[in-house]
Amino acid sequence: MANPRRTSNSGSEAPQTQYLSFSSVVYFLKKPQAFPFLLSIFVFLTWVSLRFQQPNHVSSSQSEHSSEQGRQWKMEADRLANLVRFSSRKFPSDIIKDERGWLLNPVTLAQQAGISGGAQSCVSVHLGEIRPGAVRGNHRHRSCNETFVFWGAETKFRLENEAVVGKSYSEVTIGPEEVAVAASPSGTAHALINTDPSRNTFFLGCQDGIVSYNQSDTDFHVWKDI
């Protein structure tokens, strides 16, 4: 027949053994000899932490580098297209001075932005729209300089530029929440193409001379692909 008291003593041995083991660990950690052991654990945990953080840091650095490269590429493309763009939302900015919205003088803003070859004054002004898929321009004025302002939709601006190898023109696209100011010097072809699926482009053209489209001082249909 089994002894109940003996069984009861066996059941209490596990907690007592665990308590003694824990006490031994605490006693060991209080000794000076435990310092190298604790230091090793600290170094190991630090190494593990850095290993987990490093991929995120590298990924963030690569993303920032890629973003900076994209920004520099866009600025260079805008320079070749003789164009500067502004956000229609950012306040304050060079074109938004108060909460009413943007307002600008195209001739003054182009000159302040370092755009060369634009109109020196607005002798002739055109204000209009370009519907999705439609084109304005695609011609070359030989008797005047022209400055453009356009906004409202995704719009492609093309400017004749012999410095662009292989194409002889520069081409950039502005977004629907951007306002662009561009200049086309006399004798330089230009075109505005609305590439937006639904929104209209609005534009203002400022010329420092009177253009007669019935005379031979304008070349039409310069590019056959638009």
C-alpha atoms as a PDB file:
ATOM      1  CA  MET A   1       0.000   0.000   0.000  1.00  0.00           C
ATOM      2  CA  ALA A   2       1.406   3.482  -0.996  1.00  0.00           C
ATOM      3  CA  ASN A   3       2.455   5.938   1.705  1.00  0.00           C
ATOM      4  CA  PRO A   4       0.429   9.250   1.306  1.00  0.00           C
ATOM      5  CA  ARG A   5       2.900  11.315   3.405  1.00  0.00           C
ATOM      6  CA  ARG A   6       5.828  10.264   1.236  1.00  0.00           C
ATOM      7  CA  THR A   7       3.911  11.252  -1.911  1.00  0.00           C
ATOM      8  CA  SER A   8       3.157  14.691  -0.460  1.00  0.00           C
ATOM      9  CA  ASN A   9       6.877  15.334   0.269  1.00  0.00           C
ATOM     10  CA  SER A  10       7.815  14.426  -3.305  1.00  0.00           C
ATOM     11  CA  GLY A  11       5.381  17.009  -4.679  1.00  0.00           C
ATOM     12  CA  SER A  12       7.024  19.839  -2.713  1.00  0.00           C
ATOM     13  CA  GLU A  13      10.567  19.053  -3.846  1.00  0.00           C
ATOM     14  CA  ALA A  14      10.218  20.816  -7.295  1.00  0.00           C
ATOM     15  CA  PRO A  15       9.430  24.352  -5.984  1.00  0.00           C
ATOM     16  CA  GLN A  16      12.161  24.001  -3.352  1.00  0.00           C
ATOM     17  CA  THR A  17      14.704  22.958  -6.000  1.00  0.00           C
ATOM     18  CA  GLN A  18      13.705  25.900  -8.233  1.00  0.00           C
ATOM     19  CA  TYR A  19      14.096  28.299  -5.307  1.00  0.00           C
ATOM     20  CA  LEU A  20      17.563  26.969  -4.527  1.00  0.00           C
ATOM     21  CA  SER A  21      18.602  27.277  -8.209  1.00  0.00           C
ATOM     22  CA  PHE A  22      17.368  30.892  -8.360  1.00  0.00           C
ATOM     23  CA  SER A  23      19.182  31.718  -5.120  1.00  0.00           C
ATOM     24  CA  SER A  24      22.386  30.244  -6.525  1.00  0.00           C
ATOM     25  CA  VAL A  25      22.114  32.415  -9.634  1.00  0.00           C
ATOM     26  CA  VAL A  26      21.522  35.536  -7.550  1.00  0.00           C
ATOM     27  CA  TYR A  27      24.476  34.639  -5.320  1.00  0.00           C
ATOM     28  CA  PHE A  28      26.706  34.150  -8.382  1.00  0.00           C
ATOM     29  CA  LEU A  29      25.704  37.457  -9.933  1.00  0.00           C
ATOM     30  CA  LYS A  30      26.686  39.305  -6.763  1.00  0.00           C
ATOM     31  CA  LYS A  31      30.253  38.042  -7.043  1.00  0.00           C
ATOM     32  CA  PRO A  32      32.945  40.063  -8.878  1.00  0.00           C
ATOM     33  CA  GLN A  33      33.578  37.053 -11.131  1.00  0.00           C
ATOM     34  CA  ALA A  34      30.114  37.595 -12.650  1.00  0.00           C
ATOM     35  CA  PHE A  35      31.098  40.908 -14.253  1.00  0.00           C
ATOM     36  CA  PRO A  36      32.725  39.420 -17.414  1.00  0.00           C
ATOM     37  CA  PHE A  37      29.700  37.175 -17.836  1.00  0.00           C
ATOM     38  CA  LEU A  38      27.284  40.105 -17.613  1.00  0.00           C
ATOM     39  CA  LEU A  39      29.444  42.177 -19.958  1.00  0.00           C
ATOM     40  CA  SER A  40      29.410  39.376 -22.518  1.00  0.00           C
ATOM     41  CA  ILE A  41      25.603  39.224 -22.392  1.00  0.00           C
ATOM     42  CA  PHE A  42      25.401  43.006 -22.821  1.00  0.00           C
ATOM     43  CA  VAL A  43      27.734  42.959 -25.837  1.00  0.00           C
ATOM     44  CA  PHE A  44      25.784  40.106 -27.414  1.00  0.00           C
ATOM     45  CA  LEU A  45      22.433  41.862 -26.986  1.00  0.00           C
ATOM     46  CA  THR A  46      23.895  45.081 -28.411  1.00  0.00           C
ATOM     47  CA  TRP A  47      25.190  43.195 -31.447  1.00  0.00           C
ATOM     48  CA  VAL A  48      21.791  41.570 -32.012  1.00  0.00           C
ATOM     49  CA  SER A  49      20.055  44.954 -31.760  1.00  0.00           C
ATOM     50  CA  LEU A  50      22.411  46.560 -34.285  1.00  0.00           C
ATOM     51  CA  ARG A  51      21.960  43.663 -36.689  1.00  0.00           C
ATOM     52  CA  PHE A  52      18.197  44.214 -36.704  1.00  0.00           C
ATOM     53  CA  GLN A  53      18.522  47.985 -37.061  1.00  0.00           C
ATOM     54  CA  GLN A  54      21.148  48.013 -39.823  1.00  0.00           C
ATOM     55  CA  PRO A  55      18.888  46.851 -42.706  1.00  0.00           C
ATOM     56  CA  ASN A  56      16.337  49.540 -41.853  1.00  0.00           C
ATOM     57  CA  HIS A  57      19.062  52.174 -41.715  1.00  0.00           C
ATOM     58  CA  VAL A  58      20.525  51.074 -45.044  1.00  0.00           C
ATOM     59  CA  SER A  59      17.070  50.997 -46.637  1.00  0.00           C
ATOM     60  CA  SER A  60      16.300  54.494 -45.334  1.00  0.00           C
ATOM     61  CA  SER A  61      19.633  55.852 -46.586  1.00  0.00           C
ATOM     62  CA  GLN A  62      19.106  54.308 -50.014  1.00  0.00           C
ATOM     63  CA  SER A  63      15.592  55.746 -50.194  1.00  0.00           C
ATOM     64  CA  GLU A  64      16.825  59.233 -49.271  1.00  0.00           C
ATOM     65  CA  HIS A  65      19.640  58.986 -51.813  1.00  0.00           C
ATOM     66  CA  SER A  66      17.236  57.857 -54.525  1.00  0.00           C
ATOM     67  CA  SER A  67      14.821  60.675 -53.667  1.00  0.00           C
ATOM     68  CA  GLU A  68      17.621  63.257 -53.845  1.00  0.00           C
ATOM     69  CA  GLN A  69      18.776  61.884 -57.200  1.00  0.00           C
ATOM     70  CA  GLY A  70      15.212  62.110 -58.528  1.00  0.00           C
ATOM     71  CA  ARG A  71      14.905  65.703 -57.355  1.00  0.00           C
ATOM     72  CA  GLN A  72      18.205  66.682 -58.985  1.00  0.00           C
ATOM     73  CA  TRP A  73      17.224  64.939 -62.224  1.00  0.00           C
ATOM     74  CA  LYS A  74      13.915  66.816 -62.314  1.00  0.00           C
ATOM     75  CA  MET A  75      15.642  70.151 -61.697  1.00  0.00           C
ATOM     76  CA  GLU A  76      18.081  69.481 -64.555  1.00  0.00           C
ATOM     77  CA  ALA A  77      15.230  68.487 -66.888  1.00  0.00           C
ATOM     78  CA  ASP A  78      13.354  71.682 -65.949  1.00  0.00           C
ATOM     79  CA  ARG A  79      16.480  73.744 -66.633  1.00  0.00           C
ATOM     80  CA  LEU A  80      16.845  72.246 -70.120  1.00  0.00           C
ATOM     81  CA  ALA A  81      13.168  72.998 -70.760  1.00  0.00           C
ATOM     82  CA  ASN A  82      13.651  76.595 -69.561  1.00  0.00           C
ATOM     83  CA  LEU A  83      10.923  76.025 -66.975  1.00  0.00           C
ATOM     84  CA  VAL A  84      10.341  76.405 -63.261  1.00  0.00           C
ATOM     85  CA  ARG A  85       7.490  74.773 -61.346  1.00  0.00           C
ATOM     86  CA  PHE A  86       5.708  75.680 -58.132  1.00  0.00           C
ATOM     87  CA  SER A  87       3.242  73.889 -55.897  1.00  0.00           C
ATOM     88  CA  SER A  88      -0.269  75.296 -56.090  1.00  0.00           C
ATOM     89  CA  ARG A  89      -0.834  74.124 -52.496  1.00  0.00           C
ATOM     90  CA  LYS A  90       2.297  75.062 -50.565  1.00  0.00           C
ATOM     91  CA  PHE A  91       1.896  78.208 -48.478  1.00  0.00           C
ATOM     92  CA  PRO A  92       3.750  80.485 -48.287  1.00  0.00           C
ATOM     93  CA  SER A  93       5.783  80.340 -51.510  1.00  0.00           C
ATOM     94  CA  ASP A  94       7.010  82.544 -54.354  1.00  0.00           C
ATOM     95  CA  ILE A  95       3.531  82.499 -55.901  1.00  0.00           C
ATOM     96  CA  ILE A  96       1.301  82.133 -52.813  1.00  0.00           C
ATOM     97  CA  LYS A  97       1.603  85.059 -50.431  1.00  0.00           C
ATOM     98  CA  ASP A  98      -1.647  84.604 -48.531  1.00  0.00           C
ATOM     99  CA  GLU A  99      -4.498  82.149 -48.075  1.00  0.00           C
ATOM    100  CA  ARG A 100      -6.456  83.419 -51.101  1.00  0.00           C
ATOM    101  CA  GLY A 101      -4.279  81.360 -53.478  1.00  0.00           C
ATOM    102  CA  TRP A 102      -1.536  81.911 -56.003  1.00  0.00           C
ATOM    103  CA  LEU A 103      -0.909  85.111 -57.940  1.00  0.00           C
ATOM    104  CA  LEU A 104       2.042  85.973 -60.175  1.00  0.00           C
ATOM    105  CA  ASN A 105       3.506  88.265 -62.796  1.00  0.00           C
ATOM    106  CA  PRO A 106       4.806  85.899 -65.501  1.00  0.00           C
ATOM    107  CA  VAL A 107       7.518  88.229 -66.832  1.00  0.00           C
ATOM    108  CA  THR A 108       8.874  89.179 -63.409  1.00  0.00           C
ATOM    109  CA  LEU A 109       8.687  85.642 -61.995  1.00  0.00           C
ATOM    110  CA  ALA A 110      10.487  84.157 -65.018  1.00  0.00           C
ATOM    111  CA  GLN A 111      13.294  86.679 -64.678  1.00  0.00           C
ATOM    112  CA  GLN A 112      13.588  86.143 -60.908  1.00  0.00           C
ATOM    113  CA  ALA A 113      13.715  82.363 -61.447  1.00  0.00           C
ATOM    114  CA  GLY A 114      16.608  82.698 -63.882  1.00  0.00           C
ATOM    115  CA  ILE A 115      14.612  81.688 -66.966  1.00  0.00           C
ATOM    116  CA  SER A 116      16.245  83.232 -70.025  1.00  0.00           C
ATOM    117  CA  GLY A 117      14.808  84.291 -73.369  1.00  0.00           C
ATOM    118  CA  GLY A 118      11.282  85.005 -72.190  1.00  0.00           C
ATOM    119  CA  ALA A 119       9.066  87.929 -73.056  1.00  0.00           C
ATOM    120  CA  GLN A 120      10.378  91.275 -71.846  1.00  0.00           C
ATOM    121  CA  SER A 121       6.846  92.648 -71.673  1.00  0.00           C
ATOM    122  CA  CYS A 122       3.337  91.441 -72.482  1.00  0.00           C
ATOM    123  CA  VAL A 123       2.558  93.167 -75.762  1.00  0.00           C
ATOM    124  CA  SER A 124       0.287  90.306 -76.793  1.00  0.00           C
ATOM    125  CA  VAL A 125      -1.523  88.000 -74.350  1.00  0.00           C
ATOM    126  CA  HIS A 126      -3.378  84.731 -74.925  1.00  0.00           C
ATOM    127  CA  LEU A 127      -5.428  82.990 -72.246  1.00  0.00           C
ATOM    128  CA  GLY A 128      -7.035  79.623 -72.892  1.00  0.00           C
ATOM    129  CA  GLU A 129      -7.514  75.950 -72.120  1.00  0.00           C
ATOM    130  CA  ILE A 130      -6.259  72.644 -73.497  1.00  0.00           C
ATOM    131  CA  ARG A 131      -8.625  69.718 -73.235  1.00  0.00           C
ATOM    132  CA  PRO A 132      -7.394  66.156 -72.499  1.00  0.00           C
ATOM    133  CA  GLY A 133      -5.352  64.821 -75.411  1.00  0.00           C
ATOM    134  CA  ALA A 134      -5.193  68.189 -77.212  1.00  0.00           C
ATOM    135  CA  VAL A 135      -2.112  70.210 -78.187  1.00  0.00           C
ATOM    136  CA  ARG A 136      -1.330  73.916 -78.230  1.00  0.00           C
ATOM    137  CA  GLY A 137       1.643  75.387 -79.995  1.00  0.00           C
ATOM    138  CA  ASN A 138       3.870  72.982 -81.898  1.00  0.00           C
ATOM    139  CA  HIS A 139       5.179  76.035 -83.709  1.00  0.00           C
ATOM    140  CA  ARG A 140       8.149  78.388 -83.778  1.00  0.00           C
ATOM    141  CA  HIS A 141       7.830  82.166 -83.598  1.00  0.00           C
ATOM    142  CA  ARG A 142      10.644  84.069 -85.307  1.00  0.00           C
ATOM    143  CA  SER A 143       9.575  87.586 -84.339  1.00  0.00           C
ATOM    144  CA  CYS A 144       9.012  87.471 -80.575  1.00  0.00           C
ATOM    145  CA  ASN A 145       9.903  85.880 -77.263  1.00  0.00           C
ATOM    146  CA  GLU A 146       7.158  84.157 -75.295  1.00  0.00           C
ATOM    147  CA  THR A 147       6.564  83.346 -71.620  1.00  0.00           C
ATOM    148  CA  PHE A 148       3.986  80.755 -70.547  1.00  0.00           C
ATOM    149  CA  VAL A 149       2.093  80.014 -67.366  1.00  0.00           C
ATOM    150  CA  PHE A 150       0.121  76.754 -67.284  1.00  0.00           C
ATOM    151  CA  TRP A 151      -1.664  74.762 -64.605  1.00  0.00           C
ATOM    152  CA  GLY A 152      -4.689  72.588 -63.756  1.00  0.00           C
ATOM    153  CA  ALA A 153      -3.826  69.177 -65.229  1.00  0.00           C
ATOM    154  CA  GLU A 154      -0.997  66.806 -66.041  1.00  0.00           C
ATOM    155  CA  THR A 155       0.672  68.672 -68.886  1.00  0.00           C
ATOM    156  CA  LYS A 156       3.726  68.029 -71.021  1.00  0.00           C
ATOM    157  CA  PHE A 157       5.861  70.967 -72.137  1.00  0.00           C
ATOM    158  CA  ARG A 158       8.266  70.520 -75.045  1.00  0.00           C
ATOM    159  CA  LEU A 159      10.931  73.055 -75.978  1.00  0.00           C
ATOM    160  CA  GLU A 160      13.388  72.934 -78.862  1.00  0.00           C
ATOM    161  CA  ASN A 161      16.908  72.544 -77.455  1.00  0.00           C
ATOM    162  CA  GLU A 162      19.904  71.501 -79.555  1.00  0.00           C
ATOM    163  CA  ALA A 163      21.843  70.723 -76.354  1.00  0.00           C
ATOM    164  CA  VAL A 164      19.729  67.603 -75.814  1.00  0.00           C
ATOM    165  CA  VAL A 165      21.576  64.941 -77.783  1.00  0.00           C
ATOM    166  CA  GLY A 166      19.488  62.598 -79.904  1.00  0.00           C
ATOM    167  CA  LYS A 167      16.202  64.516 -79.664  1.00  0.00           C
ATOM    168  CA  SER A 168      17.056  68.208 -80.076  1.00  0.00           C
ATOM    169  CA  TYR A 169      14.305  69.077 -77.636  1.00  0.00           C
ATOM    170  CA  SER A 170      13.641  68.936 -73.902  1.00  0.00           C
ATOM    171  CA  GLU A 171      10.373  67.667 -72.490  1.00  0.00           C
ATOM    172  CA  VAL A 172       9.001  67.735 -68.941  1.00  0.00           C
ATOM    173  CA  THR A 173       5.639  66.986 -67.345  1.00  0.00           C
ATOM    174  CA  ILE A 174       4.002  68.998 -64.578  1.00  0.00           C
ATOM    175  CA  GLY A 175       1.388  67.598 -62.224  1.00  0.00           C
ATOM    176  CA  PRO A 176      -2.195  68.798 -61.695  1.00  0.00           C
ATOM    177  CA  GLU A 177      -1.230  70.485 -58.420  1.00  0.00           C
ATOM    178  CA  GLU A 178       1.691  72.416 -59.907  1.00  0.00           C
ATOM    179  CA  VAL A 179       1.971  75.779 -61.654  1.00  0.00           C
ATOM    180  CA  ALA A 180       4.692  76.100 -64.287  1.00  0.00           C
ATOM    181  CA  VAL A 181       6.346  79.165 -65.785  1.00  0.00           C
ATOM    182  CA  ALA A 182       8.338  78.581 -68.973  1.00  0.00           C
ATOM    183  CA  ALA A 183       9.958  80.672 -71.700  1.00  0.00           C
ATOM    184  CA  SER A 184      10.476  80.153 -75.409  1.00  0.00           C
ATOM    185  CA  PRO A 185      13.011  82.541 -76.997  1.00  0.00           C
ATOM    186  CA  SER A 186      12.417  83.829 -80.497  1.00  0.00           C
ATOM    187  CA  GLY A 187      13.167  81.130 -83.069  1.00  0.00           C
ATOM    188  CA  THR A 188      12.595  78.276 -80.605  1.00  0.00           C
ATOM    189  CA  ALA A 189       9.783  75.759 -81.126  1.00  0.00           C
ATOM    190  CA  HIS A 190       7.458  74.906 -78.256  1.00  0.00           C
ATOM    191  CA  ALA A 191       4.364  72.826 -77.553  1.00  0.00           C
ATOM    192  CA  LEU A 192       1.920  72.167 -74.710  1.00  0.00           C
ATOM    193  CA  ILE A 193       0.243  68.749 -74.568  1.00  0.00           C
ATOM    194  CA  ASN A 194      -2.518  67.848 -72.118  1.00  0.00           C
ATOM    195  CA  THR A 195      -1.753  64.272 -71.024  1.00  0.00           C
ATOM    196  CA  ASP A 196      -4.373  64.213 -68.263  1.00  0.00           C
ATOM    197  CA  PRO A 197      -7.239  61.710 -68.647  1.00  0.00           C
ATOM    198  CA  SER A 198      -9.960  64.067 -67.424  1.00  0.00           C
ATOM    199  CA  ARG A 199      -8.798  67.572 -66.422  1.00  0.00           C
ATOM    200  CA  ASN A 200      -8.278  70.638 -68.603  1.00  0.00           C
ATOM    201  CA  THR A 201      -5.003  72.518 -68.757  1.00  0.00           C
ATOM    202  CA  PHE A 202      -5.243  76.303 -68.449  1.00  0.00           C
ATOM    203  CA  PHE A 203      -2.533  78.510 -69.852  1.00  0.00           C
ATOM    204  CA  LEU A 204      -1.471  82.103 -70.406  1.00  0.00           C
ATOM    205  CA  GLY A 205       0.910  83.069 -73.198  1.00  0.00           C
ATOM    206  CA  CYS A 206       2.696  86.403 -72.983  1.00  0.00           C
ATOM    207  CA  GLN A 207       4.549  87.641 -76.124  1.00  0.00           C
ATOM    208  CA  ASP A 208       6.718  90.746 -76.416  1.00  0.00           C
ATOM    209  CA  GLY A 209       5.668  91.314 -80.019  1.00  0.00           C
ATOM    210  CA  ILE A 210       2.605  91.124 -82.225  1.00  0.00           C
ATOM    211  CA  VAL A 211       2.357  87.754 -83.970  1.00  0.00           C
ATOM    212  CA  SER A 212       0.442  87.423 -87.212  1.00  0.00           C
ATOM    213  CA  TYR A 213      -0.243  83.776 -87.930  1.00  0.00           C
ATOM    214  CA  ASN A 214      -0.951  84.629 -91.574  1.00  0.00           C
ATOM    215  CA  GLN A 215       2.610  85.783 -92.158  1.00  0.00           C
ATOM    216  CA  SER A 216       5.740  83.677 -92.664  1.00  0.00           C
ATOM    217  CA  ASP A 217       7.360  84.520 -89.307  1.00  0.00           C
ATOM    218  CA  THR A 218       5.885  81.388 -87.649  1.00  0.00           C
ATOM    219  CA  ASP A 219       6.761  77.771 -88.500  1.00  0.00           C
ATOM    220  CA  PHE A 220       3.876  75.351 -87.888  1.00  0.00           C
ATOM    221  CA  HIS A 221       3.767  71.581 -87.168  1.00  0.00           C
ATOM    222  CA  VAL A 222       7.422  71.422 -86.144  1.00  0.00           C
ATOM    223  CA  TRP A 223       7.122  67.953 -84.562  1.00  0.00           C
ATOM    224  CA  LYS A 224       5.270  65.200 -86.424  1.00  0.00           C
ATOM    225  CA  ASP A 225       4.800  62.939 -83.366  1.00  0.00           C
ATOM    226  CA  ILE A 226       2.383  65.247 -81.540  1.00  0.00           C
END
